[in-house]
Protein backbone atom coordinates (compact mmCIF):
# COMPACT_ATOMS: atom_id res chain seq x y z
CA MET A 1 -33.50 28.62 74.72
CA THR A 2 -32.75 26.22 71.92
CA ALA A 3 -29.33 24.59 71.74
CA VAL A 4 -27.27 26.29 69.02
CA SER A 5 -24.68 24.71 66.77
CA THR A 6 -22.71 26.47 64.05
CA PHE A 7 -21.18 24.31 61.35
CA PRO A 8 -18.23 25.69 59.39
CA LEU A 9 -17.81 25.10 55.68
CA ARG A 10 -15.16 22.63 54.64
CA ASP A 11 -11.89 24.33 53.75
CA ARG A 12 -11.47 23.44 50.07
CA SER A 13 -8.18 25.33 49.83
CA GLN A 14 -6.24 22.59 51.57
CA SER A 15 -4.30 20.60 49.04
CA SER A 16 -3.14 17.87 51.38
CA SER A 17 -5.44 14.96 52.11
CA PRO A 18 -6.58 14.42 55.72
CA PRO A 19 -4.51 11.99 57.80
CA PRO A 20 -5.62 8.37 57.65
CA VAL A 21 -8.06 7.20 60.30
CA GLN A 22 -6.52 4.74 62.73
CA PRO A 23 -8.12 1.27 62.63
CA ILE A 24 -10.64 0.26 65.28
CA PRO A 25 -8.92 -1.82 67.98
CA ASP A 26 -9.68 -5.53 67.98
CA ILE A 27 -11.32 -6.53 71.28
CA PRO A 28 -11.36 -10.35 71.67
CA THR A 29 -14.63 -11.91 72.78
CA LYS A 30 -12.86 -13.61 75.69
CA THR A 31 -11.67 -10.24 77.03
CA ILE A 32 -15.24 -8.94 77.12
CA LEU A 33 -16.70 -12.09 78.65
CA ASP A 34 -13.93 -12.14 81.28
CA TYR A 35 -14.93 -8.59 82.22
CA LEU A 36 -18.59 -9.55 82.59
CA GLY A 37 -17.60 -12.53 84.74
CA ALA A 38 -15.20 -10.57 86.96
CA THR A 39 -17.77 -7.84 87.65
CA GLY A 40 -20.55 -10.35 88.38
CA LEU A 41 -22.68 -9.12 85.48
CA SER A 42 -22.56 -12.26 83.36
CA PRO A 43 -25.23 -14.23 85.27
CA GLU A 44 -27.46 -11.14 85.41
CA LEU A 45 -27.55 -10.72 81.62
CA THR A 46 -29.52 -12.78 79.17
CA GLU A 47 -27.69 -14.44 76.30
CA ALA A 48 -29.06 -11.79 73.92
CA GLU A 49 -27.81 -9.00 76.20
CA ARG A 50 -24.36 -10.56 76.48
CA ASN A 51 -24.19 -10.90 72.71
CA GLN A 52 -25.32 -7.30 72.27
CA PHE A 53 -22.65 -6.03 74.67
CA VAL A 54 -19.95 -8.08 72.95
CA SER A 55 -21.08 -6.85 69.52
CA VAL A 56 -21.05 -3.18 70.58
CA CYS A 57 -17.60 -3.51 72.16
CA GLN A 58 -16.16 -5.16 69.06
CA ALA A 59 -17.95 -2.95 66.52
CA PHE A 60 -16.54 0.23 68.09
CA GLY A 61 -13.35 -1.19 69.61
CA LEU A 62 -14.40 -0.33 73.17
CA ASN A 63 -12.47 -2.06 75.95
CA PRO A 64 -14.53 -2.48 79.16
CA TRP A 65 -11.39 -3.06 81.22
CA LYS A 66 -10.28 0.48 80.31
CA ARG A 67 -13.66 1.80 81.49
CA GLU A 68 -14.55 2.79 77.96
CA VAL A 69 -17.92 1.02 78.04
CA TYR A 70 -20.33 -0.32 80.65
CA ALA A 71 -23.22 -2.79 80.58
CA THR A 72 -26.12 -1.81 82.82
CA VAL A 73 -29.36 -3.57 83.73
CA TYR A 74 -32.11 -1.96 85.75
CA GLY A 75 -35.77 -2.56 86.52
CA GLU A 76 -37.68 -5.79 87.03
CA GLY A 77 -39.97 -7.93 84.87
CA ASP A 78 -41.67 -5.93 82.14
CA TYR A 79 -39.73 -2.86 83.31
CA ARG A 80 -36.32 -4.47 82.90
CA ARG A 81 -34.02 -2.43 80.69
CA PHE A 82 -30.54 -3.08 79.33
CA SER A 83 -28.24 -0.29 78.19
CA VAL A 84 -24.67 0.11 77.00
CA ILE A 85 -22.99 3.31 78.19
CA THR A 86 -19.68 4.94 77.34
CA GLY A 87 -17.77 7.89 78.81
CA TYR A 88 -17.26 11.24 77.12
CA GLU A 89 -13.50 10.65 77.34
CA VAL A 90 -13.94 8.04 74.61
CA TYR A 91 -15.23 10.77 72.28
CA LEU A 92 -12.14 12.86 72.97
CA LYS A 93 -9.78 9.93 72.34
CA ARG A 94 -11.52 8.94 69.10
CA ALA A 95 -11.51 12.51 67.81
CA ASP A 96 -7.81 12.83 68.56
CA ARG A 97 -7.11 9.45 66.97
CA SER A 98 -8.72 10.64 63.73
CA GLY A 99 -5.86 13.08 63.19
CA LYS A 100 -8.35 15.85 62.37
CA LEU A 101 -8.71 17.44 65.81
CA ASP A 102 -6.96 20.80 66.06
CA GLY A 103 -7.82 21.81 69.62
CA TRP A 104 -11.03 22.47 71.52
CA SER A 105 -12.33 24.43 74.50
CA SER A 106 -15.36 24.53 76.78
CA ARG A 107 -16.85 27.09 79.14
CA ILE A 108 -19.91 27.71 81.31
CA GLU A 109 -21.93 30.92 81.18
CA GLY A 110 -24.86 32.11 83.29
CA THR A 111 -26.57 30.58 86.32
CA GLY A 112 -29.75 28.65 87.11
CA ASP A 113 -31.94 27.52 84.24
CA SER A 114 -30.23 30.07 81.99
CA MET A 115 -26.84 28.49 82.57
CA LYS A 116 -25.33 27.10 79.39
CA ALA A 117 -22.25 25.18 78.35
CA ILE A 118 -20.40 26.18 75.20
CA VAL A 119 -17.91 23.95 73.39
CA GLU A 120 -15.74 25.07 70.50
CA ILE A 121 -13.93 22.47 68.39
CA ASN A 122 -11.38 23.07 65.65
CA ARG A 123 -10.81 20.57 62.86
CA LYS A 124 -7.74 20.68 60.66
CA ASP A 125 -9.85 20.29 57.53
CA TRP A 126 -12.43 23.00 58.45
CA SER A 127 -11.86 26.72 57.97
CA LYS A 128 -13.87 27.67 61.08
CA PRO A 129 -14.60 25.98 64.41
CA LEU A 130 -17.80 24.19 65.33
CA ILE A 131 -19.53 26.00 68.20
CA HIS A 132 -22.25 24.20 70.16
CA GLU A 133 -24.37 25.35 73.13
CA VAL A 134 -26.47 23.35 75.60
CA TYR A 135 -28.74 24.99 78.17
CA PHE A 136 -29.15 23.63 81.68
CA ALA A 137 -32.96 23.89 81.49
CA GLU A 138 -33.01 21.54 78.49
CA ALA A 139 -30.37 19.03 79.57
CA VAL A 140 -30.99 18.61 83.32
CA GLN A 141 -32.35 15.24 84.45
CA LYS A 142 -35.24 15.58 86.90
CA LYS A 143 -37.05 13.39 89.40
CA LYS A 144 -40.80 12.94 89.47
CA ASP A 145 -41.20 15.89 91.82
CA GLY A 146 -39.51 18.17 89.29
CA THR A 147 -36.25 18.64 91.19
CA PRO A 148 -32.88 17.76 89.60
CA THR A 149 -31.51 14.29 90.21
CA SER A 150 -28.72 13.88 92.74
CA PHE A 151 -25.82 14.26 90.31
CA TRP A 152 -27.32 17.32 88.66
CA GLN A 153 -27.85 18.84 92.11
CA LYS A 154 -24.29 18.18 93.30
CA MET A 155 -22.40 18.87 90.06
CA PRO A 156 -24.65 20.88 87.70
CA ARG A 157 -21.81 22.64 85.86
CA PHE A 158 -19.81 19.45 85.39
CA GLN A 159 -22.84 17.46 84.20
CA LEU A 160 -23.86 20.20 81.77
CA ARG A 161 -20.33 20.44 80.42
CA LYS A 162 -20.24 16.66 79.84
CA VAL A 163 -23.48 16.74 77.88
CA CYS A 164 -22.24 19.59 75.72
CA ILE A 165 -18.87 17.93 75.09
CA SER A 166 -20.52 14.65 74.09
CA GLN A 167 -23.00 16.29 71.74
CA SER A 168 -20.39 18.58 70.22
CA PHE A 169 -17.90 15.87 69.40
CA ARG A 170 -20.57 13.65 67.86
CA LEU A 171 -21.61 16.57 65.65
CA CYS A 172 -18.06 17.46 64.73
CA PHE A 173 -16.87 13.88 64.10
CA PRO A 174 -19.90 11.98 62.80
CA ASP A 175 -17.86 9.39 60.90
CA GLU A 176 -15.69 8.54 63.89
CA LEU A 177 -18.30 8.81 66.66
CA GLY A 178 -21.61 8.06 64.97
CA GLY A 179 -23.43 5.19 66.64
CA LEU A 180 -21.26 5.12 69.77
CA PRO A 181 -23.16 4.58 73.04
CA TYR A 182 -24.15 7.73 74.93
CA ASP A 183 -22.42 9.14 78.00
CA SER A 184 -24.24 8.56 81.30
CA SER A 185 -24.92 12.29 81.77
CA GLU A 186 -27.20 12.19 78.73
CA LEU A 187 -29.29 9.32 80.09
CA PRO A 188 -31.76 8.99 82.98
CA ASP A 189 -30.12 9.14 86.40
CA ILE A 190 -30.83 5.47 87.02
CA GLU A 191 -28.42 4.49 84.25
CA ALA A 192 -25.74 6.71 85.69
CA LEU A 193 -26.12 4.98 89.04
CA ALA A 194 -25.93 1.62 87.39
CA VAL A 195 -22.46 2.36 86.06
CA ALA A 196 -21.02 2.16 89.57
CA SER A 197 -21.92 -1.49 89.93
CA THR A 198 -19.95 -2.37 86.77
CA ILE A 199 -16.66 -0.59 87.45
CA PRO A 200 -13.84 -3.13 88.03
CA PRO A 201 -12.10 -4.14 90.11
CA SER A 202 -14.11 -4.53 93.31
CA PRO A 203 -12.08 -4.63 96.55
CA GLN A 204 -13.61 -8.00 97.38
CA PRO A 205 -16.26 -10.20 95.80
CA MET A 206 -19.88 -9.48 96.60
CA LEU A 207 -21.26 -12.57 98.26
CA PRO A 208 -24.86 -13.24 99.27
CA LEU A 209 -25.65 -13.45 102.93
CA SER A 210 -26.37 -16.92 104.21
CA GLN A 211 -30.02 -17.73 103.60
CA PRO A 212 -32.47 -19.63 105.81
CA GLU A 213 -33.66 -22.94 104.48
CA ALA A 214 -37.07 -21.56 103.53
CA ALA A 215 -37.59 -20.35 99.99
CA PRO A 216 -36.75 -16.68 99.40
CA SER A 217 -40.31 -15.97 98.27
CA SER A 218 -41.64 -16.57 101.79
CA GLU A 219 -39.73 -13.64 103.20
CA GLY A 220 -41.55 -10.37 103.47
CA SER A 221 -44.85 -11.92 102.39
CA SER A 222 -46.78 -9.75 104.81
CA GLY A 223 -45.01 -6.58 103.73
CA PRO A 224 -44.89 -4.56 100.52
CA ASP A 225 -43.33 -6.54 97.66
CA GLU A 226 -43.46 -3.83 95.03
CA PRO A 227 -39.99 -2.32 94.48
CA PRO A 228 -39.46 1.37 93.85
CA PRO A 229 -40.06 2.42 90.25
CA GLN A 230 -37.17 1.94 87.85
CA SER A 231 -36.30 5.63 87.94
CA GLU A 232 -35.43 5.30 91.62
CA VAL A 233 -33.39 2.12 91.80
CA SER A 234 -30.35 0.76 89.98
CA PRO A 235 -29.89 -2.83 88.78
CA SER A 236 -27.87 -3.81 91.82
CA MET A 237 -30.53 -2.16 93.99
CA ALA A 238 -33.47 -4.05 92.50
CA ALA A 239 -35.80 -5.88 94.85
CA PRO A 240 -35.65 -9.68 94.93
CA SER A 241 -38.35 -11.37 92.87
CA SER A 242 -40.51 -14.17 94.20
CA THR A 243 -38.58 -16.78 92.24
CA ALA A 244 -34.96 -15.73 92.56
CA PRO A 245 -33.20 -13.07 94.62
CA THR A 246 -31.49 -10.38 92.52
CA ILE A 247 -29.87 -8.28 95.24
CA ARG A 248 -26.10 -8.65 95.67
CA PHE A 249 -24.57 -7.86 99.01
CA LEU A 250 -21.31 -6.65 100.48
CA GLY A 251 -18.66 -9.22 101.24
CA TYR A 252 -19.55 -10.23 104.79
CA GLN A 253 -21.88 -12.76 106.35
CA ASP A 254 -23.13 -11.31 109.63
CA PRO A 255 -21.33 -8.24 111.02
CA TYR A 256 -23.66 -8.01 114.05
CA PRO A 257 -24.09 -11.60 115.30
CA GLU A 258 -25.02 -10.50 118.84
CA GLU A 259 -27.75 -8.04 117.89
CA PRO A 260 -31.39 -9.18 117.92
CA GLN A 261 -33.80 -8.32 115.13
CA ASP A 262 -35.22 -5.21 116.83
CA ALA A 263 -31.74 -3.77 117.35
CA LEU A 264 -30.92 -4.34 113.70
CA LEU A 265 -34.07 -2.46 112.71
CA VAL A 266 -32.95 0.51 114.80
CA ARG A 267 -29.50 0.32 113.19
CA LEU A 268 -31.08 0.31 109.72
CA GLU A 269 -33.30 3.26 110.56
CA HIS A 270 -30.31 5.29 111.77
CA TYR A 271 -28.33 4.37 108.67
CA LEU A 272 -31.12 5.54 106.37
CA ASP A 273 -31.38 8.80 108.34
CA ASP A 274 -27.61 9.34 108.21
CA ASN A 275 -27.63 8.89 104.43
CA TYR A 276 -30.91 10.64 103.76
CA SER A 277 -29.86 12.24 100.47
CA ALA A 278 -28.97 8.89 98.90
CA PHE A 279 -32.58 7.68 98.79
CA THR A 280 -35.89 8.94 97.52
CA GLU A 281 -38.68 8.95 100.10
CA ARG A 282 -40.45 6.03 98.46
CA HIS A 283 -37.23 4.04 98.15
CA ARG A 284 -36.38 4.64 101.82
CA ASP A 285 -39.88 3.61 102.94
CA TRP A 286 -39.76 0.49 100.79
CA ILE A 287 -36.44 -0.59 102.34
CA PHE A 288 -37.62 -0.11 105.91
CA GLU A 289 -40.98 -1.79 105.32
CA LYS A 290 -39.30 -4.83 103.78
CA ALA A 291 -37.00 -5.06 106.81
CA LYS A 292 -39.82 -4.50 109.32
CA HIS A 293 -41.90 -7.32 107.83
CA SER A 294 -39.00 -9.78 107.64
CA ARG A 295 -39.65 -12.97 109.57
CA ASP A 296 -36.12 -13.10 111.04
CA ARG A 297 -32.96 -11.05 111.48
CA HIS A 298 -31.50 -12.28 108.18
CA GLY A 299 -34.10 -10.26 106.32
CA VAL A 300 -33.13 -7.10 108.20
CA LEU A 301 -29.45 -7.79 107.52
CA LYS A 302 -30.22 -8.12 103.82
CA MET A 303 -31.88 -4.71 103.68
CA LEU A 304 -29.10 -3.12 105.74
CA SER A 305 -26.47 -4.51 103.36
CA TYR A 306 -28.63 -3.48 100.43
CA SER A 307 -28.78 0.11 101.74
CA GLU A 308 -25.00 0.19 102.13
CA LYS A 309 -24.65 -0.94 98.52
CA VAL A 310 -26.87 1.94 97.35
CA VAL A 311 -24.67 4.48 99.15
CA LYS A 312 -21.52 2.78 97.89
CA ASN A 313 -22.78 2.94 94.29
CA ILE A 314 -23.52 6.66 94.53
CA SER A 315 -20.09 7.37 96.04
CA ALA A 316 -18.38 5.32 93.34
CA VAL A 317 -20.14 7.21 90.54
CA ALA A 318 -19.29 10.56 92.10
CA GLY A 319 -15.65 9.49 92.46
CA ALA A 320 -15.45 8.17 88.89
CA SER A 321 -16.91 11.40 87.51
CA ALA A 322 -14.64 13.70 89.53
């Protein structure tokens, strides 16, 4: 089941020259840096990563405020990764802007692993359409246990169609789309999750919970400090390091001031059970163990808020992709 693409010959009978390509929009550096600051990403990126994001935005005329491009960071230490992601809608806009697009269509055929997406694109300067196929079995993103990731489980047809559209338009418009960042559906699920934490604007700023006077590294010292592997946790979900906390929390200080630590642990356990599908088993166990070994209620509150952020991220990605 190999993906199939058919490339038409160029129509040499056309006497008129193709329409001129519209210039790449100029995206000021300040616009991009303002975006990183407003979304809280600026302090999380290194100078090299900020420069890379600015360069990609300006090279391809991608405006982050229009949700055309996202900066994502995930993993910790040696496993830290930085990626720039775009949406498949950008491919459609760029193809249309070229003046060469003459209509396109997509469809889904089959079911299960044999399901495939087919995209047909017509160019004004080609005598025949480009036809490209992508099979579910080859494109699906899977977890370590071999099952599809959450988005491929919930929206397999939509995810497969996005992959096929992205690949097809890059093949059909190499000059206009070559080098553009990939769509999130073509990348590991962790990067798709990370997009949610970079979509502006947030309803309210994400503020850290008030911390006890002791250093953050002292918390949870008797419990497991190893975070879930990078394939199971997004940048905003990453565990705090021993030198500086990296988790950002929802915009409240203490929503349960009257509840003791044990009651908060029960609340956290119920929340994880109620949102079972949002976490892998290892991720869920890591969250609860960190909370259980916290020396005070602030540590449990942190993990409760952290869990809510995970669920919020997943809901935001699903809403943005709908």
